[in-house]
Every structure is written in structure tokens, then in C-alpha cells.
């Protein structure tokens, strides 16, 4: 297994594309990015594909034309999901600190600390935005699988029980079951659908 401590987006780019201020320590940003990859991205892609992309990044070849499918996956889909998921991780991490006196909330004279309800509201807001991009990421992978362009996603190594297979479920929301089949709304497709995998029947409202 490749090094799983590879950043798919830098702390600087995270700050540049969000409302995270420059004075937030990169240490917290790096940890939040890695958590987002581990908890949000890896279950969608499976660790075989994540490891492969990590290897491309470490080798410095992700920008090469022959790896354009992986480059688009990272830049146009995964990074968007990571940004919002990382901010959701940062909110409690930067609001509270574990010290020898216990869990403390820090404040300074130039600002007012957010309440726990406000923090939870913002966490949910960013998690919702991350879920939108995770849905887009999943659909991108399913399309590239259909075109046989993501072998690590299509044929993951499942001989090792520690490997995480990709989650190919459709990005549905508010799903229910009718006649034994899942039925729900896809915010990404703006459509209702029922069925499984590529057999899903969608009724679009576009």
C-alpha cells in the first residue's frame, strides 16, 4: 500500500478557495485535509484508486497527459469535496483545544467566539456542500468505469480484507423503498430515480 499521508490539495489552496484565513496554522489545515481524504474520499474511490493517485502525486507525474483522467478526478471533483469536508473538520478543531485543564474554547479581544449551535450549523452546512461534490465525484468515476478508464476503480483488489472497495451507490437523498427497490432524489442530477447501479431509471426535472 502506498503512503496514505499525501495531500491532494495544499493548505494554501484550501485557504485561497475558502473563507479560511491565512493566520490559521497550516498544521490544522493539513490534518483536516488528510481526514477528509481518509473519511470522505477513500470510501468513494476505494483505497486501490486512492493509493494509485497518491503514487502519481508523489512521483510528480499527475499532470502528465496520459494521466488526465486522474488529474480531472482530483482537480475538478475530489478537491472541491475535500475543501468543504476539511472546513467542517477545522471548525471544531480551531474552536476548541484539549489542554491539561480539559477542553477549552479560545477567544481573543478582537472577536466573539461562536456558540456550539452556530458551530454545528456551519459544520452541517459545509458537510452538505461536500456531499454534493462527493456525489459528482461518484458519478464521474461511474462514467469513467463505463468507458474502462479507471481500472483501479473497476477491479479493486479485494483479496486483502483490509482493502476498502469503492462505493458505487448512486448519490441519492431522501431515499425510500418501493417494491423492494430504492427510490430517491439525486440533487446532482436534479432527478428522481429507482433501481440499482446502471439499471436506475431517472425522471429528470430539468
Foldseek 3Di string as FASTA:
>chain_A
DADLLAALDALVVLVVPDVDDPPPDSVLLSVLLSCCCVPPVCQAQWVLLVRVLSVCVVVVNCPPPVNVLVVCLSPVFVVQLSSLSSVLSSLVVQQWDQDPVGIDGDDDPVDDRDDPVVNVVSSVVSNVSSLLSSLVSLVSVLVCVVVVNRCCLVDPDPPDVPIRHHDNFHSFDPWDDDPRWIWGAHPNQCWIWIDTHPPIDTDHPD
